[in-house]
Amino acid sequence: NSQSAADNRSYFIGGIILIFIIMLELKDKLTAKEELEAGHAVQKALMPERSPKVLGWDLWLFTRSANEVGGDLLDFQKVTDDRYGFALGDIAGKGLKAALLSAKLQATLRALVVDYSSLRELGIKLNQLFYRDRVPSIFASIVYAEIKPGDGLIRLINAGQFQPIIVRGSSIEKLEKGGAALGIVPGAKYDEQDTILAAGDLIVFYSDGLSEARNQMGEDFGEKRLISLLPSLVQYSAGKIGERIISEVDRFVGKAKAHDDLSMIVVKREKS
């Protein structure tokens, strides 16, 4: 009897300890959830408007996180009266760490662009700062572009991002590959790429969350599907084009869980 009583006390104490541990874990999870929700709210506040207005241009910007907070960078800003800049970037990894570094890169870029009319020099400076403050095994790919009101010229630098796709009627072309992603090579150089869009032409920037969107069979959406889709959309507005692409990606993925953030910018030259 005394042994049974002792066993009962042990079970009771063990049960109390287990409940206490579960309560601590639940508290930590609730705290973490609140912090992630706060981080999501901050990221949302930093997001640019979906369709910013620039004379002669039609723009559509989109991003969607795979988790509560994302590591993709999406930004748009008026630099001066004749310079409007937009950026699409991706921090290696996911979650809170990537989100924090994405916010830092966005702030750094916004602070620098006013003082750098040369995009080549801007890219070099961005890389220097990101490399100086780098976190081990973390790098950032980014494409930054500028347009002028009423002018078809697009200037850009590409640090490790996918090659932007240009659609001219039924013709498709990709811009040249850029330099290394930020934070990998301390002295990396970034050549400015210039291209002129005629009325009705468009250019698409996208992150790997689009091309590597995966369905339940383990197949990627892929760049080929995106390229084959674009000529049939060229007559639509930038917003309609973007929405149709996202719709096709979602249809392809089906019920499979998103495993990466997805971001895209569609820029179309308006017809006068």
Protein backbone atom coordinates (compact mmCIF):
# COMPACT_ATOMS: atom_id res chain seq x y z
CA ASN A 1 0.00 0.00 0.00
CA SER A 2 2.77 2.40 0.91
CA GLN A 3 4.48 1.59 -2.38
CA SER A 4 1.26 2.24 -4.30
CA ALA A 5 0.83 5.56 -2.51
CA ALA A 6 4.39 6.54 -3.37
CA ASP A 7 3.82 5.58 -7.02
CA ASN A 8 0.64 7.63 -7.11
CA ARG A 9 2.47 10.63 -5.68
CA SER A 10 5.20 10.21 -8.30
CA TYR A 11 2.64 10.03 -11.10
CA PHE A 12 0.88 13.08 -9.70
CA ILE A 13 4.10 15.11 -9.41
CA GLY A 14 5.17 13.96 -12.88
CA GLY A 15 1.80 15.02 -14.27
CA ILE A 16 2.11 18.46 -12.63
CA ILE A 17 5.62 18.90 -14.06
CA LEU A 18 4.42 17.84 -17.53
CA ILE A 19 1.53 20.30 -17.40
CA PHE A 20 3.93 23.05 -16.26
CA ILE A 21 6.29 22.31 -19.17
CA ILE A 22 3.39 22.33 -21.65
CA MET A 23 2.20 25.66 -20.25
CA LEU A 24 5.70 27.14 -20.65
CA GLU A 25 5.93 25.91 -24.24
CA LEU A 26 2.47 27.28 -24.99
CA LYS A 27 3.44 30.63 -23.50
CA ASP A 28 6.60 30.73 -25.65
CA LYS A 29 4.61 29.84 -28.75
CA LEU A 30 2.02 32.51 -28.02
CA THR A 31 4.76 35.08 -27.44
CA ALA A 32 6.51 34.06 -30.66
CA LYS A 33 3.20 34.23 -32.54
CA GLU A 34 2.58 37.75 -31.24
CA GLU A 35 6.09 38.81 -32.27
CA LEU A 36 5.62 37.36 -35.76
CA GLU A 37 2.27 39.10 -36.10
CA ALA A 38 3.92 42.37 -35.08
CA GLY A 39 6.68 41.76 -37.62
CA HIS A 40 4.09 41.06 -40.31
CA ALA A 41 2.33 44.35 -39.49
CA VAL A 42 5.61 46.27 -39.79
CA GLN A 43 6.42 44.60 -43.13
CA LYS A 44 2.96 45.43 -44.42
CA ALA A 45 3.43 49.08 -43.43
CA LEU A 46 6.72 49.19 -45.37
CA MET A 47 5.19 47.78 -48.54
CA PRO A 48 4.73 50.17 -51.48
CA GLU A 49 1.31 50.68 -53.02
CA ARG A 50 0.29 48.02 -55.51
CA SER A 51 0.06 50.34 -58.55
CA PRO A 52 2.19 53.48 -58.13
CA LYS A 53 1.65 56.27 -60.67
CA VAL A 54 4.40 57.49 -63.01
CA LEU A 55 3.60 59.47 -66.16
CA GLY A 56 3.80 57.23 -69.23
CA TRP A 57 4.14 54.03 -67.23
CA ASP A 58 1.84 51.32 -65.89
CA LEU A 59 3.25 49.49 -62.86
CA TRP A 60 2.08 46.59 -60.68
CA LEU A 61 3.97 45.34 -57.61
CA PHE A 62 3.15 42.15 -55.75
CA THR A 63 4.58 40.10 -52.91
CA ARG A 64 3.26 37.19 -50.88
CA SER A 65 5.05 35.56 -47.94
CA ALA A 66 5.18 31.81 -47.47
CA ASN A 67 5.18 32.33 -43.68
CA GLU A 68 4.08 35.03 -41.24
CA VAL A 69 7.02 37.21 -42.26
CA GLY A 70 8.92 37.12 -45.53
CA GLY A 71 12.47 37.61 -46.75
CA ASP A 72 11.61 39.14 -50.12
CA LEU A 73 12.20 42.86 -50.66
CA LEU A 74 9.72 44.86 -52.71
CA ASP A 75 10.01 48.63 -52.90
CA PHE A 76 9.15 51.71 -54.92
CA GLN A 77 10.11 55.31 -54.31
CA LYS A 78 10.21 58.71 -55.93
CA VAL A 79 13.90 59.62 -55.81
CA THR A 80 13.59 63.01 -57.55
CA ASP A 81 11.06 64.56 -59.91
CA ASP A 82 12.66 62.73 -62.85
CA ARG A 83 13.83 59.54 -61.10
CA TYR A 84 11.52 56.79 -59.85
CA GLY A 85 13.11 53.64 -58.50
CA PHE A 86 11.81 50.17 -57.74
CA ALA A 87 13.50 47.09 -56.33
CA LEU A 88 12.90 43.38 -56.01
CA GLY A 89 15.17 41.36 -53.78
CA ASP A 90 15.45 38.07 -51.94
CA ILE A 91 17.34 37.30 -48.75
CA ALA A 92 18.72 33.76 -48.58
CA GLY A 93 16.58 31.77 -46.17
CA LYS A 94 13.17 32.42 -44.67
CA GLY A 95 11.56 33.55 -41.45
CA LEU A 96 12.37 36.31 -39.02
CA LYS A 97 16.10 36.52 -39.76
CA ALA A 98 15.49 36.98 -43.48
CA ALA A 99 12.72 39.50 -42.78
CA LEU A 100 14.98 41.62 -40.56
CA LEU A 101 17.78 41.64 -43.14
CA SER A 102 15.29 42.48 -45.88
CA ALA A 103 14.08 45.50 -43.91
CA LYS A 104 17.69 46.58 -43.33
CA LEU A 105 18.52 46.27 -47.04
CA GLN A 106 15.42 48.29 -47.95
CA ALA A 107 16.41 51.06 -45.54
CA THR A 108 19.99 51.07 -46.84
CA LEU A 109 18.86 51.25 -50.46
CA ARG A 110 16.44 54.09 -49.73
CA ALA A 111 19.16 56.04 -47.95
CA LEU A 112 21.71 55.62 -50.75
CA VAL A 113 19.78 56.17 -53.98
CA VAL A 114 19.42 59.92 -53.52
CA ASP A 115 23.21 60.34 -53.46
CA TYR A 116 24.05 57.95 -56.32
CA SER A 117 22.98 58.88 -59.82
CA SER A 118 25.32 56.16 -61.11
CA LEU A 119 23.65 52.79 -60.62
CA ARG A 120 27.00 51.09 -61.04
CA GLU A 121 28.38 52.97 -58.04
CA LEU A 122 25.16 52.35 -56.13
CA GLY A 123 25.55 48.60 -56.61
CA ILE A 124 29.17 48.66 -55.47
CA LYS A 125 28.24 50.62 -52.32
CA LEU A 126 25.30 48.35 -51.50
CA ASN A 127 27.53 45.31 -51.74
CA GLN A 128 30.25 46.89 -49.61
CA LEU A 129 27.78 47.64 -46.82
CA PHE A 130 26.00 44.29 -46.99
CA TYR A 131 29.33 42.45 -47.01
CA ARG A 132 30.64 44.51 -44.10
CA ASP A 133 27.59 43.75 -41.97
CA ARG A 134 27.00 40.26 -43.31
CA VAL A 135 25.62 37.36 -41.33
CA PRO A 136 27.42 34.04 -42.01
CA SER A 137 25.89 32.07 -44.91
CA ILE A 138 23.44 34.89 -45.66
CA PHE A 139 23.43 36.81 -48.93
CA ALA A 140 20.91 38.92 -50.84
CA SER A 141 19.98 38.99 -54.51
CA ILE A 142 18.41 42.20 -55.77
CA VAL A 143 17.53 44.04 -58.94
CA TYR A 144 17.11 47.80 -58.75
CA ALA A 145 15.69 49.81 -61.66
CA GLU A 146 14.84 53.42 -62.41
CA ILE A 147 12.47 55.06 -64.88
CA LYS A 148 11.66 58.66 -65.85
CA PRO A 149 8.21 60.15 -66.38
CA GLY A 150 7.33 60.27 -70.08
CA ASP A 151 10.49 58.44 -71.14
CA GLY A 152 10.83 54.81 -72.26
CA LEU A 153 14.31 54.27 -70.81
CA ILE A 154 14.80 51.76 -67.98
CA ARG A 155 18.15 51.71 -66.17
CA LEU A 156 18.95 48.85 -63.81
CA ILE A 157 21.54 46.84 -61.96
CA ASN A 158 21.18 43.18 -61.14
CA ALA A 159 22.93 41.50 -58.21
CA GLY A 160 22.20 37.80 -58.46
CA GLN A 161 18.51 38.03 -59.35
CA PHE A 162 16.74 36.35 -62.28
CA GLN A 163 17.15 38.06 -65.63
CA PRO A 164 14.17 40.38 -66.23
CA ILE A 165 11.98 39.32 -69.15
CA ILE A 166 11.01 41.85 -71.83
CA VAL A 167 7.96 41.33 -74.04
CA ARG A 168 7.72 43.26 -77.31
CA GLY A 169 4.53 42.06 -78.97
CA SER A 170 5.08 38.33 -79.54
CA SER A 171 8.85 38.69 -79.11
CA ILE A 172 10.53 37.68 -75.84
CA GLU A 173 14.01 38.64 -74.68
CA LYS A 174 15.91 38.45 -71.41
CA LEU A 175 18.33 41.04 -70.15
CA GLU A 176 21.91 40.03 -69.45
CA LYS A 177 22.90 38.30 -66.24
CA GLY A 178 24.04 40.68 -63.54
CA GLY A 179 26.81 40.57 -60.96
CA ALA A 180 27.16 38.49 -57.81
CA ALA A 181 24.55 38.56 -55.08
CA LEU A 182 25.25 41.05 -52.30
CA GLY A 183 27.47 39.87 -49.47
CA ILE A 184 29.43 37.19 -51.35
CA VAL A 185 32.30 38.97 -53.13
CA PRO A 186 33.78 41.99 -51.29
CA GLY A 187 34.83 43.85 -54.44
CA ALA A 188 32.02 42.85 -56.78
CA LYS A 189 31.20 45.14 -59.72
CA TYR A 190 27.75 45.83 -61.15
CA ASP A 191 27.31 47.08 -64.70
CA GLU A 192 24.30 49.25 -65.47
CA GLN A 193 21.94 47.77 -68.04
CA ASP A 194 19.85 50.16 -70.13
CA THR A 195 16.89 49.25 -72.28
CA ILE A 196 14.18 51.27 -74.03
CA LEU A 197 10.57 50.14 -74.05
CA ALA A 198 8.29 51.26 -76.86
CA ALA A 199 4.59 51.87 -76.27
CA GLY A 200 2.93 48.58 -75.31
CA ASP A 201 6.20 46.81 -74.38
CA LEU A 202 6.56 45.39 -70.88
CA ILE A 203 9.20 44.00 -68.56
CA VAL A 204 8.69 41.47 -65.77
CA PHE A 205 10.82 41.07 -62.65
CA TYR A 206 10.22 38.06 -60.41
CA SER A 207 11.65 36.12 -57.47
CA ASP A 208 12.35 32.40 -57.26
CA GLY A 209 9.10 31.94 -55.37
CA LEU A 210 7.37 32.23 -58.75
CA SER A 211 9.54 30.06 -60.98
CA GLU A 212 10.08 27.49 -58.20
CA ALA A 213 6.44 27.36 -57.08
CA ARG A 214 5.86 23.62 -56.67
CA ASN A 215 2.77 21.50 -57.12
CA GLN A 216 1.83 18.30 -55.26
CA MET A 217 3.75 16.23 -57.81
CA GLY A 218 6.97 18.07 -56.96
CA GLU A 219 7.11 19.91 -60.29
CA ASP A 220 8.21 23.55 -60.50
CA PHE A 221 6.19 26.17 -62.37
CA GLY A 222 9.42 27.14 -64.13
CA GLU A 223 10.56 30.01 -66.29
CA LYS A 224 9.38 28.30 -69.51
CA ARG A 225 5.76 28.36 -68.37
CA LEU A 226 6.07 32.05 -67.50
CA ILE A 227 7.64 32.90 -70.87
CA SER A 228 5.02 30.93 -72.81
CA LEU A 229 2.24 32.75 -70.93
CA LEU A 230 3.44 36.33 -71.44
CA PRO A 231 2.75 36.94 -75.19
CA SER A 232 -0.95 36.19 -74.66
CA LEU A 233 -1.14 38.87 -71.95
CA VAL A 234 0.73 41.76 -73.57
CA GLN A 235 -2.45 43.64 -74.53
CA TYR A 236 -3.61 43.91 -70.92
CA SER A 237 -2.73 46.41 -68.20
CA ALA A 238 0.20 45.70 -65.87
CA GLY A 239 -2.22 44.85 -63.08
CA LYS A 240 -4.22 42.45 -65.21
CA ILE A 241 -1.03 40.80 -66.47
CA GLY A 242 0.26 40.35 -62.93
CA GLU A 243 -3.03 38.97 -61.64
CA ARG A 244 -3.25 36.48 -64.51
CA ILE A 245 0.30 35.25 -63.83
CA ILE A 246 -0.41 34.78 -60.12
CA SER A 247 -3.68 33.02 -60.97
CA GLU A 248 -1.82 30.60 -63.27
CA VAL A 249 0.81 29.93 -60.61
CA ASP A 250 -1.86 29.26 -57.96
CA ARG A 251 -3.75 26.96 -60.34
CA PHE A 252 -0.54 25.04 -61.05
CA VAL A 253 0.39 24.72 -57.36
CA GLY A 254 -3.10 23.66 -56.33
CA LYS A 255 -3.27 22.54 -52.70
CA ALA A 256 0.49 22.23 -52.24
CA LYS A 257 1.92 24.37 -49.45
CA ALA A 258 3.98 27.39 -50.51
CA HIS A 259 7.63 26.86 -49.60
CA ASP A 260 9.01 30.28 -50.56
CA ASP A 261 8.01 33.93 -50.77
CA LEU A 262 6.73 35.07 -54.16
CA SER A 263 7.31 38.57 -55.52
CA MET A 264 6.86 40.17 -58.92
CA ILE A 265 6.94 43.56 -60.63
CA VAL A 266 5.28 44.19 -63.98
CA VAL A 267 6.24 47.43 -65.77
CA LYS A 268 4.51 48.39 -69.01
CA ARG A 269 5.11 51.38 -71.28
CA GLU A 270 1.80 53.11 -71.80
CA LYS A 271 0.53 54.00 -75.24
CA SER A 272 0.13 57.74 -75.76
